[in-house]
C-alpha atoms as a PDB file:
ATOM      1  CA  MET A   1       0.024  -0.068  -0.053  1.00  0.00           C
ATOM      2  CA  GLU A   2       1.334   3.356  -0.925  1.00  0.00           C
ATOM      3  CA  PHE A   3       0.759   6.250   1.507  1.00  0.00           C
ATOM      4  CA  GLN A   4       0.382  10.115   0.246  1.00  0.00           C
ATOM      5  CA  ASP A   5       0.422  13.223   2.883  1.00  0.00           C
ATOM      6  CA  LYS A   6      -2.825  13.894   3.781  1.00  0.00           C
ATOM      7  CA  LYS A   7      -4.263  17.090   5.354  1.00  0.00           C
ATOM      8  CA  ILE A   8      -5.995  16.486   8.591  1.00  0.00           C
ATOM      9  CA  ILE A   9      -8.157  19.143  10.855  1.00  0.00           C
ATOM     10  CA  CYS A  10      -6.996  19.113  14.520  1.00  0.00           C
ATOM     11  CA  LYS A  11      -9.899  18.293  16.740  1.00  0.00           C
ATOM     12  CA  ASP A  12      -8.603  20.868  19.329  1.00  0.00           C
ATOM     13  CA  CYS A  13      -7.396  23.918  17.737  1.00  0.00           C
ATOM     14  CA  GLY A  14      -8.894  23.452  14.368  1.00  0.00           C
ATOM     15  CA  ASN A  15      -5.563  23.810  12.616  1.00  0.00           C
ATOM     16  CA  GLU A  16      -4.602  22.157   9.631  1.00  0.00           C
ATOM     17  CA  PHE A  17      -1.730  19.554   9.580  1.00  0.00           C
ATOM     18  CA  ILE A  18      -0.186  17.173   7.413  1.00  0.00           C
ATOM     19  CA  PHE A  19      -0.273  13.682   8.275  1.00  0.00           C
ATOM     20  CA  THR A  20       2.696  12.553   6.183  1.00  0.00           C
ATOM     21  CA  ALA A  21       3.090   9.366   3.931  1.00  0.00           C
ATOM     22  CA  GLY A  22       6.003   8.267   6.331  1.00  0.00           C
ATOM     23  CA  GLU A  23       3.870   8.887   9.513  1.00  0.00           C
ATOM     24  CA  GLN A  24       1.152   7.064   8.022  1.00  0.00           C
ATOM     25  CA  GLU A  25       3.254   3.940   7.404  1.00  0.00           C
ATOM     26  CA  TRP A  26       4.858   4.085  10.808  1.00  0.00           C
ATOM     27  CA  TYR A  27       1.113   4.273  12.415  1.00  0.00           C
ATOM     28  CA  ALA A  28      -0.102   1.478  10.070  1.00  0.00           C
ATOM     29  CA  GLN A  29       3.148  -0.687  11.162  1.00  0.00           C
ATOM     30  CA  LYS A  30       1.906  -0.059  14.660  1.00  0.00           C
ATOM     31  CA  GLY A  31      -1.471  -0.310  14.652  1.00  0.00           C
ATOM     32  CA  PHE A  32      -2.439   2.980  15.447  1.00  0.00           C
ATOM     33  CA  SER A  33      -5.248   4.825  14.264  1.00  0.00           C
ATOM     34  CA  GLU A  34      -4.862   8.283  12.459  1.00  0.00           C
ATOM     35  CA  PRO A  35      -4.298  11.106  14.689  1.00  0.00           C
ATOM     36  CA  ALA A  36      -7.251  13.512  15.562  1.00  0.00           C
ATOM     37  CA  ARG A  37      -4.875  16.286  17.055  1.00  0.00           C
ATOM     38  CA  CYS A  38      -1.488  18.354  15.823  1.00  0.00           C
ATOM     39  CA  SER A  39       1.687  17.266  17.434  1.00  0.00           C
ATOM     40  CA  GLU A  40       1.573  20.387  19.364  1.00  0.00           C
ATOM     41  CA  CYS A  41      -1.835  19.587  20.942  1.00  0.00           C
ATOM     42  CA  ARG A  42      -0.879  15.937  21.300  1.00  0.00           C
ATOM     43  CA  LYS A  43       2.102  17.359  23.320  1.00  0.00           C
ATOM     44  CA  ILE A  44      -0.170  19.579  25.560  1.00  0.00           C
ATOM     45  CA  ARG A  45      -2.471  16.744  26.118  1.00  0.00           C
ATOM     46  CA  LYS A  46       0.298  14.171  27.137  1.00  0.00           C
ATOM     47  CA  ALA A  47       1.478  16.941  29.450  1.00  0.00           C
ATOM     48  CA  GLU A  48      -1.938  17.295  30.856  1.00  0.00           C
ATOM     49  CA  LYS A  49      -2.113  13.776  31.609  1.00  0.00           C
ATOM     50  CA  GLN A  50       1.225  13.231  33.056  1.00  0.00           C
ATOM     51  CA  ASP A  51       0.122  16.131  35.423  1.00  0.00           C
ATOM     52  CA  ASN A  52      -3.023  14.709  36.417  1.00  0.00           C
ATOM     53  CA  ASN A  53      -1.131  11.192  37.210  1.00  0.00           C
ATOM     54  CA  GLN A  54       0.938  13.085  39.679  1.00  0.00           C
ATOM     55  CA  ASP A  55      -1.459  14.774  41.189  1.00  0.00           C
ATOM     56  CA  ASN A  56      -3.126  11.207  42.053  1.00  0.00           C
ATOM     57  CA  ILE A  57      -0.014   9.701  43.502  1.00  0.00           C
ATOM     58  CA  ARG A  58      -0.031   9.633  47.110  1.00  0.00           C
ATOM     59  CA  TYR A  59       3.018   9.280  49.648  1.00  0.00           C
END
């Protein structure tokens, strides 16, 4: 299967981003679905999840 660059609209910020053919191939190899968020929003979401996990740790 040959992949081609694909334009996607980020579901968080609404900006358009390119899901490259190389990224699509990597995602397919890993069995991942295509991203719904741009890389910047994914970073923010990941940081928020890590912050929430830290809040739940009790010593």
